[in-house]
Amino acid sequence: MKNSNNTSYNLDSIDKEIIYMLMDNAKTSLAHISKNVGISTTAVHQRIKKMEQAGVIENSISFLNPKKIGYKVISYIGVFLDQPSHYPDVVKSLKDINEVVEAHYTTGNYTIFLKVLCKDNDHLMQILSKLQKLKGVTRTETFISLEQGIYRQLKV
């Protein structure tokens, strides 16, 4: 069970090394981590469990390469709402659009900023049509990513 309070968790150098190894490959064995950080596999396991319970480590997942499965267009879409009160309902509707992989409630020009994966520009047009029909959405502004120069997680 995750620790639900908002207190910070103090990571020592061994915790950080464990995290870095898991970020490089979530399938890294406890024995391999143990050998590299200089503690027993039991201690590695206990540290990982403790960080999971504190919410420091949230998931151990494998990432799909969207391009390898046909999703060649990465776009970012700024969504303008007529009323901020529409936000919860719009986000609920966005969850039903599989191609929307991130949604952020933001300051600045957009109420919501999305990351959307599409197969091609025609597919993107279909998604934009769905977005623009959602109650409360007044307009959208789309940016297409030409290249992702950096892809990483936060190093602590």
N, C-alpha and C. Protein backbone atom coordinates (compact mmCIF):
# COMPACT_ATOMS: atom_id res chain seq x y z
N MET A 1 0.84 -1.18 0.00
CA MET A 1 0.00 0.00 0.00
C MET A 1 0.87 1.24 0.00
N LYS A 2 0.52 2.20 -0.83
CA LYS A 2 1.31 3.42 -0.94
C LYS A 2 1.05 4.35 0.23
N ASN A 3 2.08 5.05 0.63
CA ASN A 3 1.97 6.07 1.63
C ASN A 3 1.29 7.27 0.99
N SER A 4 0.13 7.68 1.50
CA SER A 4 -0.64 8.71 0.83
C SER A 4 -0.29 10.13 1.26
N ASN A 5 0.57 10.30 2.24
CA ASN A 5 0.90 11.67 2.63
C ASN A 5 1.89 12.29 1.65
N ASN A 6 2.01 13.59 1.71
CA ASN A 6 2.84 14.32 0.75
C ASN A 6 4.23 14.63 1.27
N THR A 7 4.70 13.87 2.25
CA THR A 7 6.04 14.13 2.78
C THR A 7 7.09 13.63 1.81
N SER A 8 8.25 14.26 1.88
CA SER A 8 9.36 13.87 1.02
C SER A 8 10.00 12.60 1.53
N TYR A 9 10.62 11.89 0.63
CA TYR A 9 11.33 10.66 0.96
C TYR A 9 12.80 10.94 0.71
N ASN A 10 13.63 10.68 1.70
CA ASN A 10 15.06 10.95 1.57
C ASN A 10 15.75 9.74 0.94
N LEU A 11 16.30 9.95 -0.25
CA LEU A 11 17.02 8.89 -0.97
C LEU A 11 18.50 8.98 -0.64
N ASP A 12 19.08 7.85 -0.26
CA ASP A 12 20.53 7.85 -0.09
C ASP A 12 21.17 7.41 -1.41
N SER A 13 22.49 7.35 -1.44
CA SER A 13 23.19 7.05 -2.69
C SER A 13 22.87 5.64 -3.20
N ILE A 14 22.64 4.69 -2.30
CA ILE A 14 22.31 3.33 -2.72
C ILE A 14 20.91 3.30 -3.34
N ASP A 15 19.95 3.99 -2.70
CA ASP A 15 18.60 4.08 -3.28
C ASP A 15 18.66 4.65 -4.69
N LYS A 16 19.44 5.69 -4.86
CA LYS A 16 19.55 6.33 -6.17
C LYS A 16 20.13 5.38 -7.21
N GLU A 17 21.16 4.63 -6.84
CA GLU A 17 21.75 3.67 -7.77
C GLU A 17 20.75 2.59 -8.15
N ILE A 18 19.98 2.12 -7.17
CA ILE A 18 18.94 1.12 -7.45
C ILE A 18 17.93 1.70 -8.44
N ILE A 19 17.49 2.92 -8.18
CA ILE A 19 16.51 3.57 -9.05
C ILE A 19 17.07 3.72 -10.46
N TYR A 20 18.31 4.18 -10.58
CA TYR A 20 18.91 4.37 -11.91
C TYR A 20 18.97 3.06 -12.69
N MET A 21 19.31 1.98 -11.99
CA MET A 21 19.38 0.68 -12.67
C MET A 21 17.99 0.23 -13.12
N LEU A 22 16.98 0.46 -12.29
CA LEU A 22 15.62 0.08 -12.65
C LEU A 22 15.07 0.97 -13.77
N MET A 23 15.49 2.24 -13.79
CA MET A 23 15.07 3.13 -14.86
C MET A 23 15.66 2.71 -16.20
N ASP A 24 16.90 2.22 -16.16
CA ASP A 24 17.53 1.73 -17.38
C ASP A 24 16.85 0.45 -17.87
N ASN A 25 16.47 -0.42 -16.91
CA ASN A 25 15.82 -1.67 -17.28
C ASN A 25 15.03 -2.17 -16.07
N ALA A 26 13.71 -2.05 -16.15
CA ALA A 26 12.85 -2.46 -15.04
C ALA A 26 12.96 -3.95 -14.74
N LYS A 27 13.50 -4.72 -15.67
CA LYS A 27 13.63 -6.17 -15.49
C LYS A 27 14.98 -6.57 -14.89
N THR A 28 15.79 -5.60 -14.50
CA THR A 28 17.10 -5.91 -13.91
C THR A 28 16.90 -6.79 -12.68
N SER A 29 17.66 -7.86 -12.60
CA SER A 29 17.49 -8.80 -11.48
C SER A 29 18.01 -8.19 -10.17
N LEU A 30 17.44 -8.68 -9.09
CA LEU A 30 17.92 -8.24 -7.77
C LEU A 30 19.38 -8.62 -7.57
N ALA A 31 19.77 -9.77 -8.09
CA ALA A 31 21.16 -10.22 -7.95
C ALA A 31 22.11 -9.26 -8.68
N HIS A 32 21.72 -8.81 -9.87
CA HIS A 32 22.55 -7.88 -10.63
C HIS A 32 22.65 -6.53 -9.90
N ILE A 33 21.53 -6.06 -9.39
CA ILE A 33 21.55 -4.79 -8.63
C ILE A 33 22.41 -4.95 -7.40
N SER A 34 22.24 -6.06 -6.68
CA SER A 34 22.99 -6.34 -5.46
C SER A 34 24.49 -6.29 -5.71
N LYS A 35 24.90 -6.94 -6.78
CA LYS A 35 26.33 -6.98 -7.13
C LYS A 35 26.87 -5.58 -7.41
N ASN A 36 26.08 -4.75 -8.08
CA ASN A 36 26.53 -3.42 -8.48
C ASN A 36 26.50 -2.39 -7.35
N VAL A 37 25.58 -2.54 -6.40
CA VAL A 37 25.50 -1.55 -5.32
C VAL A 37 26.15 -2.03 -4.03
N GLY A 38 26.52 -3.31 -3.97
CA GLY A 38 27.29 -3.80 -2.83
C GLY A 38 26.49 -4.14 -1.59
N ILE A 39 25.21 -4.51 -1.77
CA ILE A 39 24.42 -4.97 -0.63
C ILE A 39 23.73 -6.27 -1.04
N SER A 40 23.16 -6.96 -0.07
CA SER A 40 22.54 -8.26 -0.36
C SER A 40 21.27 -8.10 -1.20
N THR A 41 20.87 -9.20 -1.85
CA THR A 41 19.64 -9.16 -2.63
C THR A 41 18.43 -8.90 -1.73
N THR A 42 18.46 -9.42 -0.51
CA THR A 42 17.37 -9.17 0.43
C THR A 42 17.28 -7.68 0.76
N ALA A 43 18.43 -7.05 0.97
CA ALA A 43 18.44 -5.61 1.27
C ALA A 43 17.94 -4.80 0.06
N VAL A 44 18.32 -5.21 -1.15
CA VAL A 44 17.84 -4.54 -2.36
C VAL A 44 16.32 -4.66 -2.43
N HIS A 45 15.81 -5.87 -2.23
CA HIS A 45 14.37 -6.11 -2.27
C HIS A 45 13.64 -5.25 -1.24
N GLN A 46 14.18 -5.19 -0.02
CA GLN A 46 13.56 -4.40 1.05
C GLN A 46 13.55 -2.91 0.69
N ARG A 47 14.64 -2.42 0.11
CA ARG A 47 14.70 -1.00 -0.28
C ARG A 47 13.69 -0.70 -1.38
N ILE A 48 13.59 -1.58 -2.36
CA ILE A 48 12.63 -1.37 -3.45
C ILE A 48 11.21 -1.35 -2.89
N LYS A 49 10.88 -2.31 -2.03
CA LYS A 49 9.54 -2.36 -1.43
C LYS A 49 9.25 -1.10 -0.62
N LYS A 50 10.24 -0.63 0.12
CA LYS A 50 10.07 0.57 0.93
C LYS A 50 9.80 1.79 0.03
N MET A 51 10.54 1.88 -1.08
CA MET A 51 10.34 3.00 -2.00
C MET A 51 8.99 2.89 -2.71
N GLU A 52 8.54 1.67 -2.99
CA GLU A 52 7.22 1.48 -3.58
C GLU A 52 6.13 1.90 -2.61
N GLN A 53 6.26 1.50 -1.34
CA GLN A 53 5.27 1.84 -0.33
C GLN A 53 5.20 3.35 -0.09
N ALA A 54 6.34 4.03 -0.23
CA ALA A 54 6.38 5.48 -0.04
C ALA A 54 5.93 6.23 -1.29
N GLY A 55 5.71 5.50 -2.39
CA GLY A 55 5.27 6.14 -3.63
C GLY A 55 6.40 6.73 -4.45
N VAL A 56 7.65 6.47 -4.06
CA VAL A 56 8.80 6.96 -4.84
C VAL A 56 8.87 6.22 -6.16
N ILE A 57 8.72 4.91 -6.11
CA ILE A 57 8.64 4.07 -7.31
C ILE A 57 7.17 3.72 -7.48
N GLU A 58 6.59 4.17 -8.60
CA GLU A 58 5.16 3.95 -8.80
C GLU A 58 4.84 2.72 -9.62
N ASN A 59 5.62 2.45 -10.65
CA ASN A 59 5.32 1.35 -11.55
C ASN A 59 6.61 0.71 -12.04
N SER A 60 6.52 -0.54 -12.37
CA SER A 60 7.60 -1.22 -13.06
C SER A 60 7.00 -1.72 -14.36
N ILE A 61 7.19 -0.94 -15.42
CA ILE A 61 6.54 -1.26 -16.68
C ILE A 61 7.54 -1.26 -17.83
N SER A 62 7.13 -1.88 -18.89
CA SER A 62 7.89 -1.82 -20.13
C SER A 62 7.20 -0.82 -21.04
N PHE A 63 7.96 -0.02 -21.74
CA PHE A 63 7.39 0.99 -22.62
C PHE A 63 7.32 0.46 -24.04
N LEU A 64 6.20 0.72 -24.69
CA LEU A 64 6.07 0.40 -26.10
C LEU A 64 6.74 1.49 -26.91
N ASN A 65 7.34 1.12 -28.02
CA ASN A 65 7.84 2.10 -28.96
C ASN A 65 6.70 2.37 -29.94
N PRO A 66 6.04 3.54 -29.83
CA PRO A 66 4.85 3.79 -30.66
C PRO A 66 5.12 3.67 -32.15
N LYS A 67 6.28 4.07 -32.61
CA LYS A 67 6.59 4.02 -34.04
C LYS A 67 6.64 2.58 -34.54
N LYS A 68 7.08 1.65 -33.70
CA LYS A 68 7.18 0.25 -34.10
C LYS A 68 5.81 -0.40 -34.27
N ILE A 69 4.78 0.19 -33.67
CA ILE A 69 3.43 -0.36 -33.81
C ILE A 69 2.53 0.54 -34.64
N GLY A 70 3.16 1.42 -35.43
CA GLY A 70 2.40 2.19 -36.41
C GLY A 70 1.99 3.59 -36.01
N TYR A 71 2.32 4.03 -34.82
CA TYR A 71 1.96 5.39 -34.37
C TYR A 71 3.15 6.31 -34.62
N LYS A 72 3.17 6.89 -35.81
CA LYS A 72 4.34 7.65 -36.27
C LYS A 72 4.25 9.15 -36.00
N VAL A 73 3.08 9.65 -35.60
CA VAL A 73 2.90 11.08 -35.36
C VAL A 73 2.69 11.32 -33.87
N ILE A 74 3.58 12.11 -33.29
CA ILE A 74 3.43 12.55 -31.90
C ILE A 74 3.03 14.01 -31.96
N SER A 75 1.90 14.33 -31.33
CA SER A 75 1.46 15.72 -31.35
C SER A 75 1.14 16.17 -29.93
N TYR A 76 1.22 17.46 -29.77
CA TYR A 76 0.85 18.12 -28.52
C TYR A 76 -0.28 19.06 -28.86
N ILE A 77 -1.34 18.99 -28.08
CA ILE A 77 -2.53 19.76 -28.39
C ILE A 77 -2.93 20.60 -27.19
N GLY A 78 -2.98 21.91 -27.41
CA GLY A 78 -3.50 22.82 -26.41
C GLY A 78 -5.00 22.89 -26.56
N VAL A 79 -5.72 22.70 -25.47
CA VAL A 79 -7.17 22.69 -25.49
C VAL A 79 -7.68 23.90 -24.72
N PHE A 80 -8.54 24.66 -25.35
CA PHE A 80 -9.16 25.82 -24.73
C PHE A 80 -10.57 25.42 -24.29
N LEU A 81 -10.91 25.68 -23.03
CA LEU A 81 -12.26 25.42 -22.53
C LEU A 81 -12.99 26.73 -22.32
N ASP A 82 -14.31 26.72 -22.54
CA ASP A 82 -15.07 27.95 -22.32
C ASP A 82 -15.20 28.26 -20.83
N GLN A 83 -15.18 27.22 -19.99
CA GLN A 83 -15.23 27.37 -18.54
C GLN A 83 -14.30 26.35 -17.89
N PRO A 84 -13.47 26.78 -16.96
CA PRO A 84 -12.61 25.81 -16.26
C PRO A 84 -13.42 24.71 -15.56
N SER A 85 -14.66 25.00 -15.24
CA SER A 85 -15.50 24.00 -14.55
C SER A 85 -15.77 22.78 -15.43
N HIS A 86 -15.54 22.89 -16.74
CA HIS A 86 -15.73 21.75 -17.63
C HIS A 86 -14.56 20.76 -17.56
N TYR A 87 -13.49 21.16 -16.92
CA TYR A 87 -12.28 20.34 -16.88
C TYR A 87 -12.53 18.88 -16.47
N PRO A 88 -13.19 18.60 -15.33
CA PRO A 88 -13.36 17.19 -14.94
C PRO A 88 -14.10 16.35 -15.98
N ASP A 89 -15.13 16.91 -16.58
CA ASP A 89 -15.90 16.16 -17.59
C ASP A 89 -15.09 15.95 -18.86
N VAL A 90 -14.31 16.95 -19.26
CA VAL A 90 -13.49 16.81 -20.46
C VAL A 90 -12.42 15.75 -20.22
N VAL A 91 -11.79 15.77 -19.07
CA VAL A 91 -10.76 14.76 -18.78
C VAL A 91 -11.38 13.37 -18.76
N LYS A 92 -12.56 13.25 -18.21
CA LYS A 92 -13.25 11.95 -18.21
C LYS A 92 -13.46 11.47 -19.64
N SER A 93 -13.86 12.37 -20.54
CA SER A 93 -14.05 12.01 -21.95
C SER A 93 -12.73 11.69 -22.63
N LEU A 94 -11.67 12.43 -22.27
CA LEU A 94 -10.35 12.18 -22.87
C LEU A 94 -9.84 10.79 -22.54
N LYS A 95 -10.19 10.28 -21.37
CA LYS A 95 -9.76 8.94 -20.97
C LYS A 95 -10.30 7.87 -21.92
N ASP A 96 -11.37 8.19 -22.63
CA ASP A 96 -11.95 7.24 -23.58
C ASP A 96 -11.28 7.29 -24.95
N ILE A 97 -10.39 8.25 -25.14
CA ILE A 97 -9.66 8.36 -26.41
C ILE A 97 -8.28 7.76 -26.19
N ASN A 98 -8.08 6.54 -26.64
CA ASN A 98 -6.87 5.77 -26.38
C ASN A 98 -5.60 6.49 -26.81
N GLU A 99 -5.67 7.27 -27.87
CA GLU A 99 -4.49 7.94 -28.41
C GLU A 99 -3.99 9.09 -27.52
N VAL A 100 -4.83 9.57 -26.61
CA VAL A 100 -4.41 10.60 -25.66
C VAL A 100 -3.65 9.90 -24.54
N VAL A 101 -2.33 10.13 -24.50
CA VAL A 101 -1.49 9.43 -23.52
C VAL A 101 -1.11 10.29 -22.32
N GLU A 102 -1.29 11.62 -22.43
CA GLU A 102 -1.06 12.52 -21.31
C GLU A 102 -2.04 13.67 -21.41
N ALA A 103 -2.50 14.14 -20.26
CA ALA A 103 -3.35 15.33 -20.19
C ALA A 103 -2.93 16.12 -18.95
N HIS A 104 -2.65 17.40 -19.15
CA HIS A 104 -2.19 18.26 -18.06
C HIS A 104 -3.08 19.48 -17.94
N TYR A 105 -3.52 19.79 -16.74
CA TYR A 105 -4.24 21.02 -16.45
C TYR A 105 -3.18 22.09 -16.26
N THR A 106 -3.20 23.13 -17.07
CA THR A 106 -2.06 24.04 -17.11
C THR A 106 -2.43 25.50 -16.85
N THR A 107 -1.41 26.28 -16.59
CA THR A 107 -1.54 27.73 -16.57
C THR A 107 -1.19 28.21 -17.98
N GLY A 108 -1.40 29.48 -18.22
CA GLY A 108 -1.05 30.01 -19.54
C GLY A 108 -2.22 29.98 -20.49
N ASN A 109 -1.93 29.87 -21.78
CA ASN A 109 -2.96 29.97 -22.81
C ASN A 109 -3.97 28.83 -22.81
N TYR A 110 -3.53 27.63 -22.51
CA TYR A 110 -4.40 26.46 -22.63
C TYR A 110 -4.91 26.03 -21.28
N THR A 111 -6.13 25.52 -21.26
CA THR A 111 -6.64 24.94 -20.03
C THR A 111 -6.05 23.55 -19.84
N ILE A 112 -5.98 22.80 -20.95
CA ILE A 112 -5.45 21.44 -20.92
C ILE A 112 -4.41 21.31 -22.03
N PHE A 113 -3.33 20.63 -21.74
CA PHE A 113 -2.30 20.37 -22.74
C PHE A 113 -2.16 18.85 -22.85
N LEU A 114 -2.29 18.34 -24.07
CA LEU A 114 -2.32 16.90 -24.31
C LEU A 114 -1.11 16.42 -25.09
N LYS A 115 -0.74 15.18 -24.86
CA LYS A 115 0.19 14.47 -25.74
C LYS A 115 -0.64 13.37 -26.39
N VAL A 116 -0.59 13.34 -27.72
CA VAL A 116 -1.43 12.43 -28.49
C VAL A 116 -0.57 11.67 -29.49
N LEU A 117 -0.75 10.35 -29.56
CA LEU A 117 -0.04 9.51 -30.53
C LEU A 117 -1.01 9.11 -31.64
N CYS A 118 -0.59 9.28 -32.88
CA CYS A 118 -1.45 8.95 -34.03
C CYS A 118 -0.64 8.20 -35.08
N LYS A 119 -1.36 7.46 -35.92
CA LYS A 119 -0.72 6.69 -36.98
C LYS A 119 -0.23 7.59 -38.11
N ASP A 120 -1.00 8.60 -38.44
CA ASP A 120 -0.65 9.52 -39.52
C ASP A 120 -1.47 10.79 -39.36
N ASN A 121 -1.34 11.73 -40.29
CA ASN A 121 -2.05 13.00 -40.18
C ASN A 121 -3.56 12.82 -40.30
N ASP A 122 -4.03 11.86 -41.11
CA ASP A 122 -5.46 11.60 -41.20
C ASP A 122 -6.01 11.13 -39.85
N HIS A 123 -5.26 10.27 -39.20
CA HIS A 123 -5.66 9.79 -37.88
C HIS A 123 -5.69 10.97 -36.89
N LEU A 124 -4.70 11.84 -36.96
CA LEU A 124 -4.67 13.03 -36.11
C LEU A 124 -5.92 13.88 -36.35
N MET A 125 -6.31 14.05 -37.60
CA MET A 125 -7.52 14.82 -37.91
C MET A 125 -8.76 14.20 -37.27
N GLN A 126 -8.83 12.87 -37.25
CA GLN A 126 -9.96 12.18 -36.61
C GLN A 126 -9.99 12.48 -35.11
N ILE A 127 -8.82 12.45 -34.48
CA ILE A 127 -8.73 12.72 -33.05
C ILE A 127 -9.11 14.17 -32.77
N LEU A 128 -8.60 15.10 -33.60
CA LEU A 128 -8.94 16.52 -33.41
C LEU A 128 -10.45 16.72 -33.53
N SER A 129 -11.08 16.04 -34.45
CA SER A 129 -12.53 16.13 -34.62
C SER A 129 -13.25 15.68 -33.36
N LYS A 130 -12.79 14.58 -32.76
CA LYS A 130 -13.37 14.09 -31.51
C LYS A 130 -13.20 15.12 -30.39
N LEU A 131 -11.99 15.67 -30.30
CA LEU A 131 -11.69 16.64 -29.25
C LEU A 131 -12.57 17.88 -29.37
N GLN A 132 -12.71 18.36 -30.58
CA GLN A 132 -13.44 19.61 -30.79
C GLN A 132 -14.95 19.45 -30.59
N LYS A 133 -15.43 18.22 -30.54
CA LYS A 133 -16.85 17.97 -30.29
C LYS A 133 -17.18 17.82 -28.81
N LEU A 134 -16.15 17.76 -27.96
CA LEU A 134 -16.39 17.59 -26.53
C LEU A 134 -17.02 18.86 -25.95
N LYS A 135 -18.03 18.66 -25.09
CA LYS A 135 -18.71 19.78 -24.46
C LYS A 135 -17.72 20.60 -23.63
N GLY A 136 -17.69 21.89 -23.89
CA GLY A 136 -16.81 22.80 -23.16
C GLY A 136 -15.56 23.18 -23.93
N VAL A 137 -15.18 22.40 -24.93
CA VAL A 137 -13.99 22.70 -25.73
C VAL A 137 -14.37 23.76 -26.77
N THR A 138 -13.67 24.89 -26.73
CA THR A 138 -13.96 25.96 -27.69
C THR A 138 -13.04 25.89 -28.91
N ARG A 139 -11.80 25.48 -28.69
CA ARG A 139 -10.87 25.32 -29.80
C ARG A 139 -9.64 24.58 -29.33
N THR A 140 -8.82 24.17 -30.30
CA THR A 140 -7.57 23.47 -30.01
C THR A 140 -6.45 24.09 -30.83
N GLU A 141 -5.26 23.88 -30.38
CA GLU A 141 -4.06 24.30 -31.12
C GLU A 141 -3.09 23.12 -31.11
N THR A 142 -2.64 22.71 -32.29
CA THR A 142 -1.87 21.48 -32.42
C THR A 142 -0.43 21.74 -32.82
N PHE A 143 0.47 21.01 -32.19
CA PHE A 143 1.89 21.04 -32.51
C PHE A 143 2.30 19.61 -32.84
N ILE A 144 3.00 19.41 -33.94
CA ILE A 144 3.47 18.08 -34.30
C ILE A 144 4.97 18.01 -34.00
N SER A 145 5.35 16.97 -33.28
CA SER A 145 6.75 16.75 -32.95
C SER A 145 7.47 16.18 -34.16
N LEU A 146 8.54 16.82 -34.56
CA LEU A 146 9.34 16.33 -35.68
C LEU A 146 10.41 15.34 -35.21
N GLU A 147 10.90 15.53 -33.99
CA GLU A 147 11.92 14.65 -33.44
C GLU A 147 11.93 14.80 -31.93
N GLN A 148 12.15 13.70 -31.23
CA GLN A 148 12.28 13.73 -29.79
C GLN A 148 13.76 13.67 -29.45
N GLY A 149 14.32 14.80 -29.07
CA GLY A 149 15.76 14.90 -28.82
C GLY A 149 16.19 14.33 -27.48
N ILE A 150 15.29 14.33 -26.52
CA ILE A 150 15.59 13.81 -25.18
C ILE A 150 14.41 12.96 -24.72
N TYR A 151 14.69 11.78 -24.19
CA TYR A 151 13.68 10.92 -23.63
C TYR A 151 14.28 10.28 -22.40
N ARG A 152 13.85 10.73 -21.25
CA ARG A 152 14.41 10.19 -20.01
C ARG A 152 13.48 10.47 -18.86
N GLN A 153 13.79 9.83 -17.75
CA GLN A 153 13.12 10.13 -16.51
C GLN A 153 14.02 11.04 -15.68
N LEU A 154 13.44 11.64 -14.69
CA LEU A 154 14.17 12.54 -13.81
C LEU A 154 15.24 11.77 -13.04
N LYS A 155 16.45 12.27 -13.07
CA LYS A 155 17.53 11.70 -12.25
C LYS A 155 17.59 12.53 -10.96
N VAL A 156 17.61 11.84 -9.84
CA VAL A 156 17.61 12.53 -8.55
C VAL A 156 18.98 12.51 -7.92
